[in-house]
Amino acid sequence: MLEAITEQIVAFREERDWHQFHTPRTLASSIAIEAGELLEIFQWSSDATQAEDVERRREDIRRELADITNYCLLMAHDLGIDLEAAILAKLAENAAKYPVAKARGRREKYTEL
């Protein structure tokens, strides 16, 4: 699934000749900028209003998540990183760092469990 989506994103970029503007640095910057825009949606949310805020801003959240993901997919494509394999490998690393018996219901970092 990621491969098919990546192909569409790359084709979109190529049709516009935007590859020339996409270096690892500019893509990483774009990821951070878009993540900041996502965070801005929640900047003044409180725990009490968060569910309501999410519903009210759901479309904005969807768009920001899509922007972040698009840039991540482009960066992985350009650097030759198999993102699906990377995600699965990271999940396995996290499972080893945070075994259920120690981590369930806790928020501490693995070094503090």
PDB file of N, CA and C in Angstrom:
ATOM      1  N   MET A   1       0.812  -1.194   0.000  1.00  0.00           N
ATOM      2  CA  MET A   1       0.000   0.000   0.000  1.00  0.00           C
ATOM      3  C   MET A   1       0.861   1.266   0.000  1.00  0.00           C
ATOM      4  N   LEU A   2       1.874   1.324   0.855  1.00  0.00           N
ATOM      5  CA  LEU A   2       2.743   2.504   0.879  1.00  0.00           C
ATOM      6  C   LEU A   2       3.434   2.707  -0.465  1.00  0.00           C
ATOM      7  N   GLU A   3       3.793   1.598  -1.106  1.00  0.00           N
ATOM      8  CA  GLU A   3       4.486   1.700  -2.395  1.00  0.00           C
ATOM      9  C   GLU A   3       3.594   2.359  -3.449  1.00  0.00           C
ATOM     10  N   ALA A   4       2.339   1.969  -3.505  1.00  0.00           N
ATOM     11  CA  ALA A   4       1.416   2.543  -4.488  1.00  0.00           C
ATOM     12  C   ALA A   4       1.179   4.029  -4.215  1.00  0.00           C
ATOM     13  N   ILE A   5       1.025   4.382  -2.950  1.00  0.00           N
ATOM     14  CA  ILE A   5       0.832   5.791  -2.590  1.00  0.00           C
ATOM     15  C   ILE A   5       2.088   6.585  -2.914  1.00  0.00           C
ATOM     16  N   THR A   6       3.246   6.027  -2.590  1.00  0.00           N
ATOM     17  CA  THR A   6       4.515   6.708  -2.882  1.00  0.00           C
ATOM     18  C   THR A   6       4.651   6.963  -4.374  1.00  0.00           C
ATOM     19  N   GLU A   7       4.299   5.989  -5.190  1.00  0.00           N
ATOM     20  CA  GLU A   7       4.372   6.172  -6.649  1.00  0.00           C
ATOM     21  C   GLU A   7       3.518   7.358  -7.092  1.00  0.00           C
ATOM     22  N   GLN A   8       2.333   7.505  -6.522  1.00  0.00           N
ATOM     23  CA  GLN A   8       1.456   8.628  -6.884  1.00  0.00           C
ATOM     24  C   GLN A   8       2.054   9.960  -6.438  1.00  0.00           C
ATOM     25  N   ILE A   9       2.636   9.977  -5.241  1.00  0.00           N
ATOM     26  CA  ILE A   9       3.238  11.211  -4.726  1.00  0.00           C
ATOM     27  C   ILE A   9       4.447  11.595  -5.574  1.00  0.00           C
ATOM     28  N   VAL A  10       5.269  10.625  -5.918  1.00  0.00           N
ATOM     29  CA  VAL A  10       6.449  10.889  -6.754  1.00  0.00           C
ATOM     30  C   VAL A  10       6.005  11.381  -8.134  1.00  0.00           C
ATOM     31  N   ALA A  11       4.982  10.766  -8.709  1.00  0.00           N
ATOM     32  CA  ALA A  11       4.483  11.203 -10.021  1.00  0.00           C
ATOM     33  C   ALA A  11       3.969  12.642  -9.939  1.00  0.00           C
ATOM     34  N   PHE A  12       3.244  12.967  -8.894  1.00  0.00           N
ATOM     35  CA  PHE A  12       2.753  14.331  -8.688  1.00  0.00           C
ATOM     36  C   PHE A  12       3.923  15.310  -8.668  1.00  0.00           C
ATOM     37  N   ARG A  13       4.965  14.949  -7.924  1.00  0.00           N
ATOM     38  CA  ARG A  13       6.144  15.811  -7.821  1.00  0.00           C
ATOM     39  C   ARG A  13       6.842  15.947  -9.171  1.00  0.00           C
ATOM     40  N   GLU A  14       7.027  14.841  -9.866  1.00  0.00           N
ATOM     41  CA  GLU A  14       7.738  14.870 -11.149  1.00  0.00           C
ATOM     42  C   GLU A  14       6.993  15.689 -12.198  1.00  0.00           C
ATOM     43  N   GLU A  15       5.659  15.588 -12.218  1.00  0.00           N
ATOM     44  CA  GLU A  15       4.867  16.360 -13.175  1.00  0.00           C
ATOM     45  C   GLU A  15       5.088  17.858 -12.993  1.00  0.00           C
ATOM     46  N   ARG A  16       5.441  18.261 -11.803  1.00  0.00           N
ATOM     47  CA  ARG A  16       5.633  19.677 -11.496  1.00  0.00           C
ATOM     48  C   ARG A  16       7.108  20.078 -11.444  1.00  0.00           C
ATOM     49  N   ASP A  17       7.994  19.136 -11.691  1.00  0.00           N
ATOM     50  CA  ASP A  17       9.435  19.366 -11.650  1.00  0.00           C
ATOM     51  C   ASP A  17       9.873  19.921 -10.293  1.00  0.00           C
ATOM     52  N   TRP A  18       9.344  19.337  -9.236  1.00  0.00           N
ATOM     53  CA  TRP A  18       9.680  19.781  -7.890  1.00  0.00           C
ATOM     54  C   TRP A  18      10.799  18.972  -7.257  1.00  0.00           C
ATOM     55  N   HIS A  19      11.229  17.910  -7.917  1.00  0.00           N
ATOM     56  CA  HIS A  19      12.296  17.085  -7.344  1.00  0.00           C
ATOM     57  C   HIS A  19      13.535  17.931  -7.049  1.00  0.00           C
ATOM     58  N   GLN A  20      13.775  18.922  -7.898  1.00  0.00           N
ATOM     59  CA  GLN A  20      14.950  19.780  -7.733  1.00  0.00           C
ATOM     60  C   GLN A  20      14.949  20.528  -6.398  1.00  0.00           C
ATOM     61  N   PHE A  21      13.788  20.674  -5.782  1.00  0.00           N
ATOM     62  CA  PHE A  21      13.682  21.401  -4.518  1.00  0.00           C
ATOM     63  C   PHE A  21      13.716  20.468  -3.307  1.00  0.00           C
ATOM     64  N   HIS A  22      13.729  19.172  -3.564  1.00  0.00           N
ATOM     65  CA  HIS A  22      13.623  18.198  -2.472  1.00  0.00           C
ATOM     66  C   HIS A  22      14.963  17.529  -2.191  1.00  0.00           C
ATOM     67  N   THR A  23      15.655  18.059  -1.235  1.00  0.00           N
ATOM     68  CA  THR A  23      16.878  17.449  -0.725  1.00  0.00           C
ATOM     69  C   THR A  23      16.525  16.816   0.619  1.00  0.00           C
ATOM     70  N   PRO A  24      17.395  15.968   1.158  1.00  0.00           N
ATOM     71  CA  PRO A  24      17.096  15.448   2.501  1.00  0.00           C
ATOM     72  C   PRO A  24      16.841  16.564   3.521  1.00  0.00           C
ATOM     73  N   ARG A  25      17.606  17.644   3.441  1.00  0.00           N
ATOM     74  CA  ARG A  25      17.426  18.759   4.379  1.00  0.00           C
ATOM     75  C   ARG A  25      16.070  19.433   4.192  1.00  0.00           C
ATOM     76  N   THR A  26      15.690  19.724   2.945  1.00  0.00           N
ATOM     77  CA  THR A  26      14.414  20.420   2.739  1.00  0.00           C
ATOM     78  C   THR A  26      13.232  19.514   3.077  1.00  0.00           C
ATOM     79  N   LEU A  27      13.357  18.228   2.803  1.00  0.00           N
ATOM     80  CA  LEU A  27      12.277  17.310   3.168  1.00  0.00           C
ATOM     81  C   LEU A  27      12.165  17.174   4.680  1.00  0.00           C
ATOM     82  N   ALA A  28      13.312  17.058   5.366  1.00  0.00           N
ATOM     83  CA  ALA A  28      13.286  16.984   6.831  1.00  0.00           C
ATOM     84  C   ALA A  28      12.701  18.274   7.408  1.00  0.00           C
ATOM     85  N   SER A  29      13.072  19.413   6.838  1.00  0.00           N
ATOM     86  CA  SER A  29      12.513  20.696   7.288  1.00  0.00           C
ATOM     87  C   SER A  29      11.004  20.717   7.084  1.00  0.00           C
ATOM     88  N   SER A  30      10.560  20.243   5.941  1.00  0.00           N
ATOM     89  CA  SER A  30       9.128  20.232   5.649  1.00  0.00           C
ATOM     90  C   SER A  30       8.372  19.328   6.613  1.00  0.00           C
ATOM     91  N   ILE A  31       8.950  18.193   6.958  1.00  0.00           N
ATOM     92  CA  ILE A  31       8.327  17.291   7.941  1.00  0.00           C
ATOM     93  C   ILE A  31       8.168  18.016   9.275  1.00  0.00           C
ATOM     94  N   ALA A  32       9.234  18.676   9.716  1.00  0.00           N
ATOM     95  CA  ALA A  32       9.184  19.393  10.996  1.00  0.00           C
ATOM     96  C   ALA A  32       8.188  20.547  10.955  1.00  0.00           C
ATOM     97  N   ILE A  33       8.151  21.269   9.860  1.00  0.00           N
ATOM     98  CA  ILE A  33       7.231  22.399   9.723  1.00  0.00           C
ATOM     99  C   ILE A  33       5.789  21.923   9.765  1.00  0.00           C
ATOM    100  N   GLU A  34       5.494  20.868   9.006  1.00  0.00           N
ATOM    101  CA  GLU A  34       4.131  20.335   8.990  1.00  0.00           C
ATOM    102  C   GLU A  34       3.756  19.746  10.348  1.00  0.00           C
ATOM    103  N   ALA A  35       4.710  19.120  11.034  1.00  0.00           N
ATOM    104  CA  ALA A  35       4.438  18.611  12.388  1.00  0.00           C
ATOM    105  C   ALA A  35       4.138  19.774  13.329  1.00  0.00           C
ATOM    106  N   GLY A  36       4.823  20.886  13.145  1.00  0.00           N
ATOM    107  CA  GLY A  36       4.541  22.082  13.930  1.00  0.00           C
ATOM    108  C   GLY A  36       3.138  22.603  13.662  1.00  0.00           C
ATOM    109  N   GLU A  37       2.709  22.542  12.411  1.00  0.00           N
ATOM    110  CA  GLU A  37       1.350  22.972  12.081  1.00  0.00           C
ATOM    111  C   GLU A  37       0.317  22.043  12.722  1.00  0.00           C
ATOM    112  N   LEU A  38       0.611  20.763  12.794  1.00  0.00           N
ATOM    113  CA  LEU A  38      -0.267  19.823  13.495  1.00  0.00           C
ATOM    114  C   LEU A  38      -0.314  20.163  14.983  1.00  0.00           C
ATOM    115  N   LEU A  39       0.829  20.413  15.557  1.00  0.00           N
ATOM    116  CA  LEU A  39       0.906  20.758  16.973  1.00  0.00           C
ATOM    117  C   LEU A  39       0.151  22.054  17.269  1.00  0.00           C
ATOM    118  N   GLU A  40       0.218  22.998  16.343  1.00  0.00           N
ATOM    119  CA  GLU A  40      -0.467  24.271  16.526  1.00  0.00           C
ATOM    120  C   GLU A  40      -1.974  24.084  16.723  1.00  0.00           C
ATOM    121  N   ILE A  41      -2.543  23.079  16.087  1.00  0.00           N
ATOM    122  CA  ILE A  41      -3.967  22.792  16.238  1.00  0.00           C
ATOM    123  C   ILE A  41      -4.309  22.520  17.701  1.00  0.00           C
ATOM    124  N   PHE A  42      -3.380  21.887  18.407  1.00  0.00           N
ATOM    125  CA  PHE A  42      -3.610  21.512  19.800  1.00  0.00           C
ATOM    126  C   PHE A  42      -2.993  22.483  20.802  1.00  0.00           C
ATOM    127  N   GLN A  43      -2.390  23.556  20.313  1.00  0.00           N
ATOM    128  CA  GLN A  43      -1.635  24.465  21.171  1.00  0.00           C
ATOM    129  C   GLN A  43      -2.425  24.928  22.391  1.00  0.00           C
ATOM    130  N   TRP A  44      -3.652  25.281  22.211  1.00  0.00           N
ATOM    131  CA  TRP A  44      -4.427  25.820  23.323  1.00  0.00           C
ATOM    132  C   TRP A  44      -5.517  24.858  23.793  1.00  0.00           C
ATOM    133  N   SER A  45      -5.432  23.605  23.359  1.00  0.00           N
ATOM    134  CA  SER A  45      -6.381  22.600  23.837  1.00  0.00           C
ATOM    135  C   SER A  45      -6.047  22.224  25.268  1.00  0.00           C
ATOM    136  N   SER A  46      -7.075  21.963  26.012  1.00  0.00           N
ATOM    137  CA  SER A  46      -6.877  21.430  27.360  1.00  0.00           C
ATOM    138  C   SER A  46      -7.359  19.985  27.349  1.00  0.00           C
ATOM    139  N   ASP A  47      -7.011  19.240  28.359  1.00  0.00           N
ATOM    140  CA  ASP A  47      -7.491  17.867  28.452  1.00  0.00           C
ATOM    141  C   ASP A  47      -9.019  17.838  28.446  1.00  0.00           C
ATOM    142  N   ALA A  48      -9.627  18.838  29.053  1.00  0.00           N
ATOM    143  CA  ALA A  48     -11.085  18.883  29.153  1.00  0.00           C
ATOM    144  C   ALA A  48     -11.756  19.129  27.805  1.00  0.00           C
ATOM    145  N   THR A  49     -11.098  19.876  26.917  1.00  0.00           N
ATOM    146  CA  THR A  49     -11.729  20.228  25.633  1.00  0.00           C
ATOM    147  C   THR A  49     -11.139  19.486  24.453  1.00  0.00           C
ATOM    148  N   GLN A  50     -10.171  18.623  24.691  1.00  0.00           N
ATOM    149  CA  GLN A  50      -9.457  18.010  23.579  1.00  0.00           C
ATOM    150  C   GLN A  50     -10.353  17.204  22.637  1.00  0.00           C
ATOM    151  N   ALA A  51     -11.246  16.401  23.170  1.00  0.00           N
ATOM    152  CA  ALA A  51     -12.130  15.598  22.310  1.00  0.00           C
ATOM    153  C   ALA A  51     -12.976  16.503  21.412  1.00  0.00           C
ATOM    154  N   GLU A  52     -13.489  17.571  21.991  1.00  0.00           N
ATOM    155  CA  GLU A  52     -14.286  18.534  21.224  1.00  0.00           C
ATOM    156  C   GLU A  52     -13.421  19.243  20.179  1.00  0.00           C
ATOM    157  N   ASP A  53     -12.223  19.616  20.563  1.00  0.00           N
ATOM    158  CA  ASP A  53     -11.303  20.286  19.639  1.00  0.00           C
ATOM    159  C   ASP A  53     -10.939  19.383  18.466  1.00  0.00           C
ATOM    160  N   VAL A  54     -10.740  18.112  18.749  1.00  0.00           N
ATOM    161  CA  VAL A  54     -10.407  17.164  17.684  1.00  0.00           C
ATOM    162  C   VAL A  54     -11.563  17.074  16.693  1.00  0.00           C
ATOM    163  N   GLU A  55     -12.761  16.956  17.191  1.00  0.00           N
ATOM    164  CA  GLU A  55     -13.915  16.879  16.289  1.00  0.00           C
ATOM    165  C   GLU A  55     -14.059  18.148  15.460  1.00  0.00           C
ATOM    166  N   ARG A  56     -13.880  19.271  16.079  1.00  0.00           N
ATOM    167  CA  ARG A  56     -14.015  20.562  15.388  1.00  0.00           C
ATOM    168  C   ARG A  56     -12.935  20.760  14.333  1.00  0.00           C
ATOM    169  N   ARG A  57     -11.733  20.256  14.601  1.00  0.00           N
ATOM    170  CA  ARG A  57     -10.588  20.479  13.699  1.00  0.00           C
ATOM    171  C   ARG A  57     -10.170  19.219  12.944  1.00  0.00           C
ATOM    172  N   ARG A  58     -11.035  18.213  12.918  1.00  0.00           N
ATOM    173  CA  ARG A  58     -10.699  16.922  12.308  1.00  0.00           C
ATOM    174  C   ARG A  58     -10.159  17.066  10.885  1.00  0.00           C
ATOM    175  N   GLU A  59     -10.752  17.911  10.072  1.00  0.00           N
ATOM    176  CA  GLU A  59     -10.301  18.090   8.690  1.00  0.00           C
ATOM    177  C   GLU A  59      -8.901  18.708   8.639  1.00  0.00           C
ATOM    178  N   ASP A  60      -8.638  19.665   9.503  1.00  0.00           N
ATOM    179  CA  ASP A  60      -7.297  20.264   9.579  1.00  0.00           C
ATOM    180  C   ASP A  60      -6.266  19.220  10.007  1.00  0.00           C
ATOM    181  N   ILE A  61      -6.625  18.410  10.977  1.00  0.00           N
ATOM    182  CA  ILE A  61      -5.729  17.348  11.453  1.00  0.00           C
ATOM    183  C   ILE A  61      -5.443  16.365  10.327  1.00  0.00           C
ATOM    184  N   ARG A  62      -6.483  15.983   9.604  1.00  0.00           N
ATOM    185  CA  ARG A  62      -6.325  15.061   8.478  1.00  0.00           C
ATOM    186  C   ARG A  62      -5.340  15.614   7.444  1.00  0.00           C
ATOM    187  N   ARG A  63      -5.498  16.884   7.115  1.00  0.00           N
ATOM    188  CA  ARG A  63      -4.613  17.499   6.112  1.00  0.00           C
ATOM    189  C   ARG A  63      -3.166  17.560   6.592  1.00  0.00           C
ATOM    190  N   GLU A  64      -2.959  17.943   7.848  1.00  0.00           N
ATOM    191  CA  GLU A  64      -1.587  18.028   8.368  1.00  0.00           C
ATOM    192  C   GLU A  64      -0.936  16.647   8.433  1.00  0.00           C
ATOM    193  N   LEU A  65      -1.689  15.640   8.857  1.00  0.00           N
ATOM    194  CA  LEU A  65      -1.144  14.277   8.877  1.00  0.00           C
ATOM    195  C   LEU A  65      -0.773  13.826   7.465  1.00  0.00           C
ATOM    196  N   ALA A  66      -1.599  14.175   6.492  1.00  0.00           N
ATOM    197  CA  ALA A  66      -1.302  13.818   5.102  1.00  0.00           C
ATOM    198  C   ALA A  66      -0.033  14.522   4.620  1.00  0.00           C
ATOM    199  N   ASP A  67       0.119  15.804   4.946  1.00  0.00           N
ATOM    200  CA  ASP A  67       1.330  16.533   4.549  1.00  0.00           C
ATOM    201  C   ASP A  67       2.576  15.883   5.144  1.00  0.00           C
ATOM    202  N   ILE A  68       2.525  15.578   6.439  1.00  0.00           N
ATOM    203  CA  ILE A  68       3.668  14.957   7.109  1.00  0.00           C
ATOM    204  C   ILE A  68       4.002  13.625   6.451  1.00  0.00           C
ATOM    205  N   THR A  69       2.984  12.819   6.221  1.00  0.00           N
ATOM    206  CA  THR A  69       3.188  11.494   5.643  1.00  0.00           C
ATOM    207  C   THR A  69       3.722  11.587   4.220  1.00  0.00           C
ATOM    208  N   ASN A  70       3.201  12.525   3.433  1.00  0.00           N
ATOM    209  CA  ASN A  70       3.695  12.693   2.061  1.00  0.00           C
ATOM    210  C   ASN A  70       5.194  13.001   2.053  1.00  0.00           C
ATOM    211  N   TYR A  71       5.611  13.923   2.906  1.00  0.00           N
ATOM    212  CA  TYR A  71       7.038  14.260   2.955  1.00  0.00           C
ATOM    213  C   TYR A  71       7.875  13.079   3.466  1.00  0.00           C
ATOM    214  N   CYS A  72       7.361  12.341   4.418  1.00  0.00           N
ATOM    215  CA  CYS A  72       8.084  11.158   4.905  1.00  0.00           C
ATOM    216  C   CYS A  72       8.240  10.123   3.796  1.00  0.00           C
ATOM    217  N   LEU A  73       7.176   9.901   3.045  1.00  0.00           N
ATOM    218  CA  LEU A  73       7.245   8.934   1.950  1.00  0.00           C
ATOM    219  C   LEU A  73       8.220   9.385   0.866  1.00  0.00           C
ATOM    220  N   LEU A  74       8.220  10.672   0.552  1.00  0.00           N
ATOM    221  CA  LEU A  74       9.175  11.182  -0.432  1.00  0.00           C
ATOM    222  C   LEU A  74      10.609  11.010   0.051  1.00  0.00           C
ATOM    223  N   MET A  75      10.860  11.324   1.313  1.00  0.00           N
ATOM    224  CA  MET A  75      12.214  11.208   1.847  1.00  0.00           C
ATOM    225  C   MET A  75      12.678   9.751   1.824  1.00  0.00           C
ATOM    226  N   ALA A  76      11.815   8.859   2.250  1.00  0.00           N
ATOM    227  CA  ALA A  76      12.167   7.432   2.228  1.00  0.00           C
ATOM    228  C   ALA A  76      12.442   6.982   0.799  1.00  0.00           C
ATOM    229  N   HIS A  77      11.619   7.396  -0.131  1.00  0.00           N
ATOM    230  CA  HIS A  77      11.815   7.051  -1.543  1.00  0.00           C
ATOM    231  C   HIS A  77      13.159   7.552  -2.038  1.00  0.00           C
ATOM    232  N   ASP A  78      13.433   8.832  -1.794  1.00  0.00           N
ATOM    233  CA  ASP A  78      14.655   9.449  -2.314  1.00  0.00           C
ATOM    234  C   ASP A  78      15.919   8.849  -1.702  1.00  0.00           C
ATOM    235  N   LEU A  79      15.840   8.410  -0.451  1.00  0.00           N
ATOM    236  CA  LEU A  79      17.005   7.850   0.236  1.00  0.00           C
ATOM    237  C   LEU A  79      17.091   6.328   0.114  1.00  0.00           C
ATOM    238  N   GLY A  80      16.132   5.740  -0.596  1.00  0.00           N
ATOM    239  CA  GLY A  80      16.157   4.292  -0.790  1.00  0.00           C
ATOM    240  C   GLY A  80      15.855   3.514   0.481  1.00  0.00           C
ATOM    241  N   ILE A  81      15.016   4.068   1.327  1.00  0.00           N
ATOM    242  CA  ILE A  81      14.654   3.403   2.581  1.00  0.00           C
ATOM    243  C   ILE A  81      13.309   2.713   2.394  1.00  0.00           C
ATOM    244  N   ASP A  82      13.277   1.427   2.685  1.00  0.00           N
ATOM    245  CA  ASP A  82      12.026   0.671   2.664  1.00  0.00           C
ATOM    246  C   ASP A  82      11.282   1.028   3.947  1.00  0.00           C
ATOM    247  N   LEU A  83      10.328   1.921   3.828  1.00  0.00           N
ATOM    248  CA  LEU A  83       9.660   2.450   5.009  1.00  0.00           C
ATOM    249  C   LEU A  83       8.834   1.389   5.735  1.00  0.00           C
ATOM    250  N   GLU A  84       8.204   0.502   4.985  1.00  0.00           N
ATOM    251  CA  GLU A  84       7.448  -0.567   5.637  1.00  0.00           C
ATOM    252  C   GLU A  84       8.381  -1.428   6.489  1.00  0.00           C
ATOM    253  N   ALA A  85       9.533  -1.797   5.939  1.00  0.00           N
ATOM    254  CA  ALA A  85      10.509  -2.594   6.696  1.00  0.00           C
ATOM    255  C   ALA A  85      11.046  -1.807   7.879  1.00  0.00           C
ATOM    256  N   ALA A  86      11.278  -0.511   7.686  1.00  0.00           N
ATOM    257  CA  ALA A  86      11.784   0.331   8.772  1.00  0.00           C
ATOM    258  C   ALA A  86      10.771   0.421   9.910  1.00  0.00           C
ATOM    259  N   ILE A  87       9.497   0.557   9.566  1.00  0.00           N
ATOM    260  CA  ILE A  87       8.445   0.637  10.583  1.00  0.00           C
ATOM    261  C   ILE A  87       8.370  -0.669  11.364  1.00  0.00           C
ATOM    262  N   LEU A  88       8.405  -1.785  10.654  1.00  0.00           N
ATOM    263  CA  LEU A  88       8.342  -3.088  11.330  1.00  0.00           C
ATOM    264  C   LEU A  88       9.567  -3.323  12.204  1.00  0.00           C
ATOM    265  N   ALA A  89      10.744  -2.923  11.728  1.00  0.00           N
ATOM    266  CA  ALA A  89      11.968  -3.084  12.521  1.00  0.00           C
ATOM    267  C   ALA A  89      11.902  -2.216  13.778  1.00  0.00           C
ATOM    268  N   LYS A  90      11.404  -0.999  13.641  1.00  0.00           N
ATOM    269  CA  LYS A  90      11.285  -0.108  14.793  1.00  0.00           C
ATOM    270  C   LYS A  90      10.260  -0.634  15.789  1.00  0.00           C
ATOM    271  N   LEU A  91       9.187  -1.202  15.295  1.00  0.00           N
ATOM    272  CA  LEU A  91       8.182  -1.803  16.172  1.00  0.00           C
ATOM    273  C   LEU A  91       8.800  -2.949  16.970  1.00  0.00           C
ATOM    274  N   ALA A  92       9.621  -3.770  16.316  1.00  0.00           N
ATOM    275  CA  ALA A  92      10.298  -4.876  17.011  1.00  0.00           C
ATOM    276  C   ALA A  92      11.276  -4.338  18.055  1.00  0.00           C
ATOM    277  N   GLU A  93      12.023  -3.279  17.716  1.00  0.00           N
ATOM    278  CA  GLU A  93      12.941  -2.656  18.684  1.00  0.00           C
ATOM    279  C   GLU A  93      12.176  -2.143  19.903  1.00  0.00           C
ATOM    280  N   ASN A  94      11.049  -1.474  19.644  1.00  0.00           N
ATOM    281  CA  ASN A  94      10.251  -0.936  20.745  1.00  0.00           C
ATOM    282  C   ASN A  94       9.644  -2.046  21.597  1.00  0.00           C
ATOM    283  N   ALA A  95       9.259  -3.139  20.965  1.00  0.00           N
ATOM    284  CA  ALA A  95       8.709  -4.268  21.721  1.00  0.00           C
ATOM    285  C   ALA A  95       9.763  -4.829  22.676  1.00  0.00           C
ATOM    286  N   ALA A  96      11.025  -4.852  22.232  1.00  0.00           N
ATOM    287  CA  ALA A  96      12.104  -5.340  23.097  1.00  0.00           C
ATOM    288  C   ALA A  96      12.402  -4.344  24.222  1.00  0.00           C
ATOM    289  N   LYS A  97      12.342  -3.051  23.924  1.00  0.00           N
ATOM    290  CA  LYS A  97      12.610  -2.019  24.926  1.00  0.00           C
ATOM    291  C   LYS A  97      11.474  -1.890  25.936  1.00  0.00           C
ATOM    292  N   TYR A  98      10.272  -2.124  25.461  1.00  0.00           N
ATOM    293  CA  TYR A  98       9.083  -1.930  26.294  1.00  0.00           C
ATOM    294  C   TYR A  98       8.257  -3.215  26.379  1.00  0.00           C
ATOM    295  N   PRO A  99       8.777  -4.230  27.076  1.00  0.00           N
ATOM    296  CA  PRO A  99       7.996  -5.465  27.200  1.00  0.00           C
ATOM    297  C   PRO A  99       6.687  -5.194  27.946  1.00  0.00           C
ATOM    298  N   VAL A 100       5.645  -5.872  27.524  1.00  0.00           N
ATOM    299  CA  VAL A 100       4.322  -5.645  28.093  1.00  0.00           C
ATOM    300  C   VAL A 100       4.348  -5.760  29.615  1.00  0.00           C
ATOM    301  N   ALA A 101       5.037  -6.745  30.135  1.00  0.00           N
ATOM    302  CA  ALA A 101       5.050  -6.979  31.582  1.00  0.00           C
ATOM    303  C   ALA A 101       5.599  -5.774  32.357  1.00  0.00           C
ATOM    304  N   LYS A 102       6.502  -5.022  31.753  1.00  0.00           N
ATOM    305  CA  LYS A 102       7.085  -3.861  32.433  1.00  0.00           C
ATOM    306  C   LYS A 102       6.416  -2.540  32.041  1.00  0.00           C
ATOM    307  N   ALA A 103       5.955  -2.444  30.814  1.00  0.00           N
ATOM    308  CA  ALA A 103       5.539  -1.153  30.280  1.00  0.00           C
ATOM    309  C   ALA A 103       4.028  -0.917  30.286  1.00  0.00           C
ATOM    310  N   ARG A 104       3.242  -1.949  30.434  1.00  0.00           N
ATOM    311  CA  ARG A 104       1.787  -1.790  30.321  1.00  0.00           C
ATOM    312  C   ARG A 104       1.267  -0.742  31.311  1.00  0.00           C
ATOM    313  N   GLY A 105       0.612   0.287  30.746  1.00  0.00           N
ATOM    314  CA  GLY A 105       0.015   1.325  31.562  1.00  0.00           C
ATOM    315  C   GLY A 105       0.996   2.333  32.137  1.00  0.00           C
ATOM    316  N   ARG A 106       2.249   2.263  31.716  1.00  0.00           N
ATOM    317  CA  ARG A 106       3.267   3.186  32.241  1.00  0.00           C
ATOM    318  C   ARG A 106       3.796   4.067  31.119  1.00  0.00           C
ATOM    319  N   ARG A 107       4.227   5.253  31.468  1.00  0.00           N
ATOM    320  CA  ARG A 107       4.723   6.187  30.458  1.00  0.00           C
ATOM    321  C   ARG A 107       6.219   6.439  30.546  1.00  0.00           C
ATOM    322  N   GLU A 108       6.904   5.806  31.483  1.00  0.00           N
ATOM    323  CA  GLU A 108       8.334   6.035  31.638  1.00  0.00           C
ATOM    324  C   GLU A 108       9.106   5.536  30.417  1.00  0.00           C
ATOM    325  N   LYS A 109      10.247   6.155  30.205  1.00  0.00           N
ATOM    326  CA  LYS A 109      11.163   5.723  29.161  1.00  0.00           C
ATOM    327  C   LYS A 109      11.711   4.337  29.523  1.00  0.00           C
ATOM    328  N   TYR A 110      12.089   3.573  28.518  1.00  0.00           N
ATOM    329  CA  TYR A 110      12.537   2.194  28.745  1.00  0.00           C
ATOM    330  C   TYR A 110      13.700   2.108  29.732  1.00  0.00           C
ATOM    331  N   THR A 111      14.518   3.135  29.813  1.00  0.00           N
ATOM    332  CA  THR A 111      15.646   3.117  30.750  1.00  0.00           C
ATOM    333  C   THR A 111      15.194   3.268  32.199  1.00  0.00           C
ATOM    334  N   GLU A 112      13.918   3.646  32.382  1.00  0.00           N
ATOM    335  CA  GLU A 112      13.401   3.869  33.727  1.00  0.00           C
ATOM    336  C   GLU A 112      12.416   2.795  34.166  1.00  0.00           C
ATOM    337  N   LEU A 113      12.173   1.811  33.332  1.00  0.00           N
ATOM    338  CA  LEU A 113      11.205   0.752  33.688  1.00  0.00           C
ATOM    339  C   LEU A 113      11.820  -0.235  34.670  1.00  0.00           C
TER     340      LEU A 113
END
